[in-house]
Amino acid sequence: MTLTSELIALGQYLAGEFDNREQAIADPAWYVHLHLWQRPVPVQLFPEPSLTLFAEQANIVNLDRPYRPRIMQLRQVLNGESPPQLEVQYFMLKDPNQFRGAGRHPHLLQQLNPAQVELLPGCTLTVNQKCLTDGTYHFAASLPSGARCCFPYQGETRQVDLGFEASPTELFSFDKGIDPNTGKALWGAVLGPFHFTKRHDFSGELLGLCAETR
């Protein structure tokens, strides 16, 4: 199955190094200055045609201590619609320490293989796209109503509400931690999305992968 132009554009918009410097300066009480890396994975992890990103982030004062490592599979679902429905499926790493820092040191990702990632049930975003007048897209991704995205961490079950909006140079992240008992937001985009600006573009690393899936 050929990757659609919409899926390739989504991958290009998400692939890069981002930060929210302006937002953190304007409102430091609520928004930590973060760096976010979303790096194309150079090996094939999944049998179906898709694009895969490794993501992690770090506080500006601790760039050598990134956290929240995750794998994002960008895929298209044939459901009778044209173009196909886009989805983002999240996976966790079984040994995150092995790949810590891969956002800045992408050679680490050469060691990835399918046995090292684990599906996160309920962590599938539905992506809607809108074609803009200049030929670019605006993407909005969110969890379906009623979905519960949970993952194990230090012996406990953590719940997150995931979502983003993406354009060629900007990324708005709505990710936040949720108290599974009360539904209350605990951390992250509690007062509104983190507004990231792309500082370095990694989309060129996707081009060869796109060609291989055609």
Protein backbone atom coordinates (compact mmCIF):
# COMPACT_ATOMS: atom_id res chain seq x y z
CA MET A 1 0.00 0.00 0.00
CA THR A 2 1.38 3.37 -1.02
CA LEU A 3 1.68 6.00 1.68
CA THR A 4 -0.65 8.91 1.05
CA SER A 5 0.64 12.45 0.65
CA GLU A 6 -1.24 13.33 3.84
CA LEU A 7 0.58 10.68 5.90
CA ILE A 8 3.95 11.73 4.50
CA ALA A 9 3.18 15.37 5.29
CA LEU A 10 2.22 14.42 8.86
CA GLY A 11 5.54 12.63 9.28
CA GLN A 12 7.45 15.60 7.87
CA TYR A 13 5.71 18.05 10.20
CA LEU A 14 6.33 15.92 13.31
CA ALA A 15 9.95 15.03 12.53
CA GLY A 16 12.24 17.55 14.17
CA GLU A 17 13.65 19.18 17.27
CA PHE A 18 11.22 21.57 18.94
CA ASP A 19 11.13 23.88 21.93
CA ASN A 20 8.63 26.24 23.55
CA ARG A 21 11.08 29.03 24.43
CA GLU A 22 8.75 31.95 23.75
CA GLN A 23 5.89 30.41 25.72
CA ALA A 24 8.15 29.60 28.68
CA ILE A 25 9.51 33.15 28.78
CA ALA A 26 6.03 34.68 28.56
CA ASP A 27 4.46 32.44 31.22
CA PRO A 28 7.18 30.69 33.27
CA ALA A 29 4.86 29.90 36.16
CA TRP A 30 2.87 27.42 34.06
CA TYR A 31 5.10 26.37 31.17
CA VAL A 32 8.50 24.77 31.66
CA HIS A 33 11.04 25.43 28.90
CA LEU A 34 11.17 22.06 27.14
CA HIS A 35 13.04 20.53 24.24
CA LEU A 36 11.21 17.86 22.28
CA TRP A 37 12.86 15.47 19.82
CA GLN A 38 10.82 13.43 17.35
CA ARG A 39 13.32 11.44 15.37
CA PRO A 40 12.55 9.12 12.43
CA VAL A 41 13.37 5.51 13.26
CA PRO A 42 15.80 4.17 10.61
CA VAL A 43 14.73 0.52 10.91
CA GLN A 44 11.41 -1.14 10.12
CA LEU A 45 9.49 -2.13 13.24
CA PHE A 46 6.06 -2.89 11.81
CA PRO A 47 4.92 -5.06 8.89
CA GLU A 48 2.39 -2.61 7.46
CA PRO A 49 3.47 0.49 5.50
CA SER A 50 3.86 3.31 8.00
CA LEU A 51 6.26 5.92 9.35
CA THR A 52 7.82 5.60 12.79
CA LEU A 53 9.20 8.25 15.13
CA PHE A 54 11.10 8.02 18.39
CA ALA A 55 10.09 10.83 20.76
CA GLU A 56 11.54 12.11 24.03
CA GLN A 57 11.75 15.46 25.79
CA ALA A 58 13.90 17.23 28.35
CA ASN A 59 13.90 20.32 30.54
CA ILE A 60 16.21 23.02 29.15
CA VAL A 61 18.34 22.82 32.31
CA ASN A 62 18.76 19.03 32.00
CA LEU A 63 19.13 18.33 28.30
CA ASP A 64 21.26 15.30 29.11
CA ARG A 65 18.41 13.76 31.10
CA PRO A 66 15.57 13.24 28.61
CA TYR A 67 12.37 11.50 29.69
CA ARG A 68 9.02 10.26 28.32
CA PRO A 69 10.58 8.08 25.59
CA ARG A 70 7.98 6.65 23.24
CA ILE A 71 7.50 5.24 19.77
CA MET A 72 4.90 6.77 17.45
CA GLN A 73 3.67 4.75 14.48
CA LEU A 74 2.00 6.94 11.84
CA ARG A 75 -0.31 4.76 9.79
CA GLN A 76 -3.30 4.87 7.47
CA VAL A 77 -6.45 2.78 7.80
CA LEU A 78 -8.55 1.82 4.80
CA ASN A 79 -12.14 2.17 5.92
CA GLY A 80 -13.85 3.10 2.68
CA GLU A 81 -12.93 6.76 3.06
CA SER A 82 -10.81 8.78 0.65
CA PRO A 83 -8.19 9.63 1.71
CA PRO A 84 -7.70 6.84 4.28
CA GLN A 85 -8.08 7.64 7.97
CA LEU A 86 -4.78 8.57 9.61
CA GLU A 87 -3.84 7.26 13.04
CA VAL A 88 -0.96 7.57 15.48
CA GLN A 89 -0.35 4.46 17.58
CA TYR A 90 1.90 4.78 20.64
CA PHE A 91 4.28 2.09 21.87
CA MET A 92 6.51 1.91 24.92
CA LEU A 93 10.12 0.73 25.03
CA LYS A 94 10.77 -2.35 27.15
CA ASP A 95 14.22 -0.98 28.07
CA PRO A 96 14.01 2.81 27.75
CA ASN A 97 17.48 3.33 29.21
CA GLN A 98 19.01 1.60 26.21
CA PHE A 99 17.71 4.37 23.93
CA ARG A 100 17.83 7.36 26.25
CA GLY A 101 19.25 10.35 24.39
CA ALA A 102 18.50 8.95 20.92
CA GLY A 103 16.81 12.22 20.01
CA ARG A 104 20.23 13.84 19.87
CA HIS A 105 22.17 10.66 19.10
CA PRO A 106 20.12 8.91 16.40
CA HIS A 107 22.70 6.16 15.85
CA LEU A 108 21.24 4.52 18.97
CA LEU A 109 18.04 3.84 17.03
CA GLN A 110 19.89 1.49 14.69
CA GLN A 111 19.70 -1.06 17.53
CA LEU A 112 15.90 -1.02 17.69
CA ASN A 113 13.96 -4.13 16.70
CA PRO A 114 10.29 -5.17 17.00
CA ALA A 115 10.91 -7.26 20.13
CA GLN A 116 11.97 -4.15 22.04
CA VAL A 117 8.69 -2.26 21.71
CA GLU A 118 5.35 -2.96 23.34
CA LEU A 119 1.91 -1.81 22.23
CA LEU A 120 0.10 0.65 24.50
CA PRO A 121 -3.58 -0.38 24.29
CA GLY A 122 -5.99 2.52 24.14
CA CYS A 123 -3.23 4.91 23.01
CA THR A 124 -4.32 5.36 19.40
CA LEU A 125 -4.94 8.89 18.16
CA THR A 126 -7.37 9.64 15.36
CA VAL A 127 -5.94 12.28 13.04
CA ASN A 128 -8.06 14.74 11.08
CA GLN A 129 -6.50 16.87 8.39
CA LYS A 130 -7.41 20.08 6.62
CA CYS A 131 -5.72 21.17 3.41
CA LEU A 132 -4.76 24.85 3.58
CA THR A 133 -4.75 27.29 0.69
CA ASP A 134 -0.96 27.14 0.24
CA GLY A 135 -1.00 23.37 -0.23
CA THR A 136 0.10 22.56 3.31
CA TYR A 137 -1.99 20.81 5.95
CA HIS A 138 -3.23 21.36 9.45
CA PHE A 139 -3.46 18.12 11.44
CA ALA A 140 -5.40 17.61 14.67
CA ALA A 141 -4.98 14.34 16.59
CA SER A 142 -6.89 13.19 19.65
CA LEU A 143 -7.97 10.07 21.51
CA PRO A 144 -11.43 8.76 20.64
CA SER A 145 -14.14 9.52 23.17
CA GLY A 146 -13.99 7.13 26.11
CA ALA A 147 -10.49 5.85 25.33
CA ARG A 148 -8.14 5.28 28.28
CA CYS A 149 -4.44 5.47 27.46
CA CYS A 150 -2.52 3.86 30.33
CA PHE A 151 1.00 2.59 30.89
CA PRO A 152 2.93 1.03 33.78
CA TYR A 153 5.49 3.19 35.58
CA GLN A 154 7.40 2.29 38.75
CA GLY A 155 4.86 -0.34 39.69
CA GLU A 156 1.84 1.91 39.17
CA THR A 157 -0.60 2.43 36.33
CA ARG A 158 -0.45 5.92 34.87
CA GLN A 159 -3.08 7.44 32.60
CA VAL A 160 -2.43 10.13 29.99
CA ASP A 161 -4.64 12.15 27.70
CA LEU A 162 -2.78 12.55 24.41
CA GLY A 163 -3.32 14.94 21.53
CA PHE A 164 -1.63 17.41 19.24
CA GLU A 165 -2.07 19.85 16.39
CA ALA A 166 0.66 20.12 13.76
CA SER A 167 1.52 22.44 10.89
CA PRO A 168 4.79 22.79 8.93
CA THR A 169 6.63 24.78 11.62
CA GLU A 170 4.52 24.54 14.80
CA LEU A 171 3.34 21.81 17.13
CA PHE A 172 0.76 22.21 19.87
CA SER A 173 0.88 19.40 22.45
CA PHE A 174 -2.17 18.71 24.61
CA ASP A 175 -0.58 15.80 26.51
CA LYS A 176 -1.40 15.68 30.20
CA GLY A 177 -1.35 13.18 33.02
CA ILE A 178 -4.71 12.14 34.42
CA ASP A 179 -5.71 10.85 37.85
CA PRO A 180 -7.38 7.56 36.88
CA ASN A 181 -9.69 7.75 39.89
CA THR A 182 -10.96 11.32 39.55
CA GLY A 183 -10.23 12.18 35.91
CA LYS A 184 -8.44 15.33 37.07
CA ALA A 185 -5.45 16.62 35.08
CA LEU A 186 -2.26 16.38 37.14
CA TRP A 187 0.58 17.59 34.91
CA GLY A 188 1.33 18.71 31.39
CA ALA A 189 -1.00 20.90 29.35
CA VAL A 190 -3.33 21.61 32.26
CA LEU A 191 -3.99 25.27 31.30
CA GLY A 192 -3.68 24.80 27.57
CA PRO A 193 -1.34 23.26 25.02
CA PHE A 194 2.43 23.52 24.97
CA HIS A 195 3.32 25.60 21.92
CA PHE A 196 6.42 24.16 20.27
CA THR A 197 8.35 25.71 17.41
CA LYS A 198 10.46 23.53 15.12
CA ARG A 199 14.12 24.54 15.48
CA HIS A 200 15.72 21.70 13.50
CA ASP A 201 14.01 19.74 10.75
CA PHE A 202 14.53 15.96 10.65
CA SER A 203 12.07 15.34 7.81
CA GLY A 204 14.93 14.61 5.41
CA GLU A 205 15.53 11.42 7.38
CA LEU A 206 12.05 10.25 6.34
CA LEU A 207 12.56 10.55 2.59
CA GLY A 208 14.40 7.29 2.11
CA LEU A 209 11.90 5.50 4.34
CA CYS A 210 9.01 6.91 2.33
CA ALA A 211 10.57 5.67 -0.88
CA GLU A 212 11.06 2.17 0.55
CA THR A 213 7.35 1.81 1.39
CA ARG A 214 6.12 2.72 -2.09
